[in-house]
Amino acid sequence: MKILVTGSSGFIGSYFIKNPVGLDIIEIDLLTQKVDEIDFSGIASVLHLAALAHQSKSVPEEQYYKINRDLAYEVAKKAKSQGVKHFVLMSTAKVYGESTSGKNAWDENTACEPQDAYGKSKYEAEKLIMNLQDESFKVAVVRSPLVYGVGVKANMYKLIKLVNKFPGLPLGGINNSRSLVYVGNLVALLAHIIKRQASGIFIAGDQSSFSTTELIKLIANCNNKKVHLVTIPGFLVKLVYRINSGMVDRLFGSLELDIRSTNNRLGFEPPYTSEYGFREMAEWFKKIKQGN
């Protein structure tokens, strides 16, 4: 099956290209190639991974809409006009909002209430592209939680560095629940959807969710580190929240997805355990440290 992949140089795209699982892949770099220049002839599916995610430096909000919504829609329209029958849009759990604390886990039927430009731009792209769907053009939307694995950046990378650097952390006794997805499991799901030419909304995720405390222990274990976790009192958490609410939400809040319906509908099961993913990531991190 010949498929076209945008965003192939990114974190998810790089893993997908290295693990094509029987798919004939054509890579497209939308940074250097205009949509009008793309030839979709003979393409069975388009996997659109190109996106602007959260940036460490401030980015104008309109950039999120320009890349995540407008560019994605332009690619989908061009693909449909040239006879592509199937389009897969990589989306995000952020279309639902910021937290499931005190709520049920999000699933395909949960109302979407995105709170930031990233989530809003992704949700608007979903709606526009889903409206293109008809009997000759199927659309699949994959909503994902935080993705981890070899080459990970941002918050997960910072957390690994933190565990490796400090023997004690004030992150004990946290009873939240956060969903994650190992990049190998996500790519396996995407490939499964493509091969089945499946359409609809799907939820990605590992089989288990973790509390922050459990996650710290797993990272430490996979990195052969001993870490002493201290439980800090609630009033201190509230004090820190006033200073940095985003950090507290990520560490103490919940963001849980329910993958059961997706897996049942597709007849899919994530092939890797979370421990496998974290051990692979630990080996990669060890090589980085040795390289420095």
Protein backbone atom coordinates (compact mmCIF):
# COMPACT_ATOMS: atom_id res chain seq x y z
CA MET A 1 0.00 0.00 0.00
CA LYS A 2 1.47 3.36 -1.04
CA ILE A 3 0.97 6.13 1.53
CA LEU A 4 2.10 9.73 1.75
CA VAL A 5 3.38 11.03 5.10
CA THR A 6 3.75 14.69 6.01
CA GLY A 7 5.87 15.69 8.98
CA SER A 8 8.12 12.68 8.44
CA SER A 9 11.12 14.39 10.06
CA GLY A 10 9.32 14.94 13.37
CA PHE A 11 9.35 12.75 16.48
CA ILE A 12 6.42 10.52 15.45
CA GLY A 13 7.18 10.70 11.73
CA SER A 14 10.79 9.60 12.18
CA TYR A 15 9.71 6.49 14.08
CA PHE A 16 7.04 5.75 11.47
CA ILE A 17 9.56 5.98 8.61
CA LYS A 18 11.99 3.63 10.40
CA ASN A 19 9.19 1.14 11.10
CA PRO A 20 7.06 1.13 7.92
CA VAL A 21 5.42 -2.27 8.71
CA GLY A 22 4.82 -3.22 5.09
CA LEU A 23 3.75 0.21 3.84
CA ASP A 24 5.32 1.93 0.82
CA ILE A 25 5.98 5.42 2.18
CA ILE A 26 6.46 8.69 0.31
CA GLU A 27 7.80 11.46 2.54
CA ILE A 28 6.72 15.06 2.14
CA ASP A 29 8.37 18.05 3.83
CA LEU A 30 5.85 20.88 3.91
CA LEU A 31 8.58 23.28 5.02
CA THR A 32 10.20 23.02 1.61
CA GLN A 33 7.37 21.83 -0.64
CA LYS A 34 4.12 23.62 -1.40
CA VAL A 35 0.86 21.69 -1.29
CA ASP A 36 0.16 22.55 -4.95
CA GLU A 37 3.39 20.79 -5.90
CA ILE A 38 2.47 17.46 -4.29
CA ASP A 39 1.53 14.62 -6.62
CA PHE A 40 -1.03 12.36 -4.93
CA SER A 41 -1.30 9.96 -7.88
CA GLY A 42 -1.48 6.33 -6.78
CA ILE A 43 -1.63 7.22 -3.08
CA ALA A 44 -4.00 5.05 -1.03
CA SER A 45 -3.77 7.03 2.23
CA VAL A 46 -2.33 10.29 3.50
CA LEU A 47 -0.99 10.39 7.06
CA HIS A 48 -0.82 14.03 8.10
CA LEU A 49 1.61 14.42 11.01
CA ALA A 50 2.91 17.91 10.23
CA ALA A 51 1.92 20.29 13.01
CA LEU A 52 3.01 23.11 15.28
CA ALA A 53 3.00 21.79 18.84
CA HIS A 54 3.70 23.71 22.04
CA GLN A 55 6.86 25.74 21.73
CA SER A 56 9.39 26.66 24.42
CA LYS A 57 9.42 30.18 22.99
CA SER A 58 6.32 32.28 22.52
CA VAL A 59 4.65 31.82 19.13
CA PRO A 60 1.87 34.07 17.77
CA GLU A 61 -1.50 32.30 18.06
CA GLU A 62 -2.23 32.75 14.37
CA GLN A 63 0.71 30.47 13.57
CA TYR A 64 -1.06 27.53 15.23
CA TYR A 65 -4.14 28.11 13.05
CA LYS A 66 -2.07 28.67 9.92
CA ILE A 67 -0.20 25.37 10.29
CA ASN A 68 -2.47 23.08 12.29
CA ARG A 69 -5.77 24.06 10.67
CA ASP A 70 -5.28 25.80 7.34
CA LEU A 71 -2.32 23.74 6.06
CA ALA A 72 -3.90 20.45 7.14
CA TYR A 73 -7.17 21.34 5.41
CA GLU A 74 -5.31 22.38 2.26
CA VAL A 75 -3.50 19.02 2.14
CA ALA A 76 -6.76 17.11 2.67
CA LYS A 77 -8.60 19.03 -0.07
CA LYS A 78 -5.79 18.51 -2.57
CA ALA A 79 -5.57 14.81 -1.70
CA LYS A 80 -9.31 14.33 -2.21
CA SER A 81 -9.30 16.24 -5.49
CA GLN A 82 -6.60 13.91 -6.83
CA GLY A 83 -8.41 10.72 -5.93
CA VAL A 84 -6.96 9.75 -2.53
CA LYS A 85 -9.52 7.60 -0.72
CA HIS A 86 -8.29 7.81 2.87
CA PHE A 87 -6.90 10.60 5.08
CA VAL A 88 -5.52 10.20 8.63
CA LEU A 89 -5.16 13.32 10.76
CA MET A 90 -2.92 13.19 13.81
CA SER A 91 -4.69 15.19 16.50
CA THR A 92 -4.40 15.62 20.25
CA ALA A 93 -6.19 15.03 23.53
CA LYS A 94 -5.97 18.79 24.01
CA VAL A 95 -9.10 19.14 21.87
CA TYR A 96 -11.00 17.98 24.98
CA GLY A 97 -9.48 20.52 27.35
CA GLU A 98 -6.76 20.53 29.97
CA SER A 99 -7.72 18.12 32.74
CA THR A 100 -9.90 15.19 33.75
CA SER A 101 -9.42 15.84 37.47
CA GLY A 102 -12.72 15.01 39.16
CA LYS A 103 -14.16 13.79 35.83
CA ASN A 104 -14.48 10.58 33.88
CA ALA A 105 -11.76 9.66 31.40
CA TRP A 106 -12.22 11.19 27.97
CA ASP A 107 -13.35 9.00 25.08
CA GLU A 108 -14.47 9.47 21.47
CA ASN A 109 -17.87 10.83 22.57
CA THR A 110 -16.65 13.39 25.10
CA ALA A 111 -17.54 16.99 24.23
CA CYS A 112 -14.55 18.98 23.00
CA GLU A 113 -13.67 22.16 24.90
CA PRO A 114 -10.11 23.12 23.87
CA GLN A 115 -8.55 25.84 25.98
CA ASP A 116 -5.47 27.00 24.10
CA ALA A 117 -4.48 27.84 20.53
CA TYR A 118 -2.90 24.43 19.98
CA GLY A 119 -6.02 22.52 21.01
CA LYS A 120 -8.40 24.91 19.27
CA SER A 121 -6.47 24.86 15.98
CA LYS A 122 -6.38 21.05 16.01
CA TYR A 123 -10.10 20.79 16.74
CA GLU A 124 -10.98 23.22 13.95
CA ALA A 125 -8.82 21.17 11.58
CA GLU A 126 -10.69 18.03 12.63
CA LYS A 127 -14.07 19.57 11.86
CA LEU A 128 -13.03 21.00 8.49
CA ILE A 129 -11.47 17.76 7.29
CA MET A 130 -14.28 15.56 8.62
CA ASN A 131 -16.67 17.68 6.54
CA LEU A 132 -14.79 16.53 3.43
CA GLN A 133 -15.73 12.93 4.12
CA ASP A 134 -18.05 11.11 1.72
CA GLU A 135 -18.35 7.67 0.16
CA SER A 136 -15.13 8.14 -1.81
CA PHE A 137 -13.05 9.89 0.86
CA LYS A 138 -12.74 8.43 4.36
CA VAL A 139 -11.27 10.40 7.25
CA ALA A 140 -9.69 9.08 10.45
CA VAL A 141 -8.81 11.38 13.36
CA VAL A 142 -6.40 10.08 16.02
CA ARG A 143 -6.38 11.90 19.34
CA SER A 144 -3.28 11.26 21.39
CA PRO A 145 -2.05 12.00 24.91
CA LEU A 146 1.63 12.79 25.62
CA VAL A 147 3.85 10.68 23.36
CA TYR A 148 7.16 9.34 24.70
CA GLY A 149 10.04 7.28 23.35
CA VAL A 150 13.52 7.60 21.88
CA GLY A 151 14.13 11.21 20.88
CA VAL A 152 11.42 12.68 23.11
CA LYS A 153 11.69 16.35 24.02
CA ALA A 154 9.87 18.91 26.18
CA ASN A 155 8.28 17.86 29.48
CA MET A 156 9.05 14.13 29.40
CA TYR A 157 12.71 14.80 28.66
CA LYS A 158 12.84 17.30 31.52
CA LEU A 159 11.30 14.73 33.85
CA ILE A 160 13.89 12.10 32.92
CA LYS A 161 16.70 14.60 33.56
CA LEU A 162 15.14 15.48 36.91
CA VAL A 163 14.99 11.86 38.06
CA ASN A 164 18.56 11.22 36.94
CA LYS A 165 19.90 14.33 38.65
CA PHE A 166 18.20 14.36 42.07
CA PRO A 167 18.07 11.45 44.56
CA GLY A 168 15.03 12.98 46.26
CA LEU A 169 11.93 14.66 44.85
CA PRO A 170 8.79 16.17 46.46
CA LEU A 171 6.50 14.07 44.27
CA GLY A 172 5.37 11.27 46.57
CA GLY A 173 1.78 10.34 47.36
CA ILE A 174 0.25 11.89 44.21
CA ASN A 175 -2.97 10.06 43.31
CA ASN A 176 -3.69 11.55 39.89
CA SER A 177 -4.06 9.57 36.65
CA ARG A 178 -2.36 10.49 33.40
CA SER A 179 -2.50 8.67 30.08
CA LEU A 180 0.59 8.33 27.90
CA VAL A 181 1.39 6.57 24.65
CA TYR A 182 4.69 5.00 23.66
CA VAL A 183 5.57 6.09 20.13
CA GLY A 184 5.78 2.45 19.06
CA ASN A 185 2.19 1.87 20.16
CA LEU A 186 1.02 5.04 18.44
CA VAL A 187 2.70 4.12 15.15
CA ALA A 188 1.26 0.61 15.37
CA LEU A 189 -2.22 2.12 15.78
CA LEU A 190 -1.72 4.49 12.85
CA ALA A 191 -0.51 1.67 10.61
CA HIS A 192 -3.46 -0.49 11.69
CA ILE A 193 -5.92 2.29 10.80
CA ILE A 194 -4.26 2.81 7.42
CA LYS A 195 -4.25 -0.87 6.50
CA ARG A 196 -7.94 -1.18 7.43
CA GLN A 197 -8.77 2.14 5.74
CA ALA A 198 -10.74 2.87 8.91
CA SER A 199 -12.66 6.09 9.43
CA GLY A 200 -13.91 7.93 12.50
CA ILE A 201 -12.39 9.27 15.71
CA PHE A 202 -9.87 7.11 17.55
CA ILE A 203 -8.06 7.41 20.88
CA ALA A 204 -4.39 6.46 21.24
CA GLY A 205 -2.80 5.31 24.47
CA ASP A 206 -0.90 2.64 26.36
CA GLN A 207 -2.85 -0.03 28.22
CA SER A 208 -2.24 1.63 31.60
CA SER A 209 -2.39 5.14 33.01
CA PHE A 210 -0.01 6.39 35.69
CA SER A 211 0.02 8.70 38.66
CA THR A 212 2.96 11.12 38.68
CA THR A 213 4.42 9.18 41.62
CA GLU A 214 4.16 5.87 39.70
CA LEU A 215 5.68 7.52 36.63
CA ILE A 216 8.67 8.81 38.62
CA LYS A 217 9.25 5.34 40.08
CA LEU A 218 9.06 3.74 36.62
CA ILE A 219 11.54 6.22 35.16
CA ALA A 220 13.90 5.71 38.10
CA ASN A 221 13.66 1.91 37.84
CA CYS A 222 14.32 1.90 34.09
CA ASN A 223 17.31 4.20 34.58
CA ASN A 224 18.66 2.13 37.51
CA LYS A 225 18.28 5.08 39.84
CA LYS A 226 17.14 5.20 43.43
CA VAL A 227 14.85 8.10 44.21
CA HIS A 228 13.29 9.07 47.53
CA LEU A 229 9.86 10.61 47.08
CA VAL A 230 8.54 13.00 49.69
CA THR A 231 4.84 13.84 50.02
CA ILE A 232 4.34 17.58 50.37
CA PRO A 233 1.32 19.03 52.20
CA GLY A 234 -1.62 20.41 50.26
CA PHE A 235 -1.13 24.00 51.36
CA LEU A 236 2.34 24.04 49.78
CA VAL A 237 0.90 22.69 46.52
CA LYS A 238 -1.63 25.54 46.53
CA LEU A 239 1.15 28.03 47.19
CA VAL A 240 3.22 26.76 44.27
CA TYR A 241 0.07 26.80 42.11
CA ARG A 242 -0.14 30.56 42.54
CA ILE A 243 3.40 30.85 41.18
CA ASN A 244 3.24 28.28 38.37
CA SER A 245 -0.23 26.82 37.82
CA GLY A 246 0.75 25.04 34.62
CA MET A 247 3.51 23.03 36.27
CA VAL A 248 1.26 22.02 39.19
CA ASP A 249 -1.51 20.93 36.80
CA ARG A 250 0.90 18.72 34.88
CA LEU A 251 2.34 17.11 38.01
CA PHE A 252 -0.73 16.88 40.26
CA GLY A 253 -3.69 16.97 37.85
CA SER A 254 -5.22 14.14 35.84
CA LEU A 255 -5.52 13.72 32.09
CA GLU A 256 -6.90 10.28 31.34
CA LEU A 257 -8.15 8.80 28.06
CA ASP A 258 -10.30 5.70 27.60
CA ILE A 259 -8.92 3.61 24.71
CA ARG A 260 -11.29 0.63 25.08
CA SER A 261 -13.76 1.64 22.38
CA THR A 262 -11.03 2.38 19.83
CA ASN A 263 -9.29 -0.94 20.46
CA ASN A 264 -12.55 -2.89 20.32
CA ARG A 265 -13.73 -1.25 17.09
CA LEU A 266 -10.40 -1.82 15.37
CA GLY A 267 -9.55 -5.19 16.86
CA PHE A 268 -6.31 -3.60 18.03
CA GLU A 269 -4.10 -4.04 21.08
CA PRO A 270 -1.01 -1.92 21.80
CA PRO A 271 1.91 -4.27 21.09
CA TYR A 272 4.31 -2.80 23.66
CA THR A 273 4.13 -2.40 27.42
CA SER A 274 4.86 0.98 28.94
CA GLU A 275 7.85 -0.53 30.74
CA TYR A 276 9.32 -1.57 27.38
CA GLY A 277 8.94 1.97 26.08
CA PHE A 278 10.52 3.52 29.16
CA ARG A 279 13.43 1.08 29.14
CA GLU A 280 14.12 1.84 25.49
CA MET A 281 13.98 5.55 26.29
CA ALA A 282 16.33 5.02 29.25
CA GLU A 283 18.93 3.34 27.03
CA TRP A 284 18.73 6.26 24.61
CA PHE A 285 19.11 8.77 27.46
CA LYS A 286 22.15 6.88 28.76
CA LYS A 287 23.84 7.17 25.36
CA ILE A 288 23.12 10.91 25.31
CA LYS A 289 24.75 11.32 28.72
CA GLN A 290 27.79 9.35 27.62
CA GLY A 291 28.04 11.45 24.48
CA ASN A 292 28.18 14.61 26.58
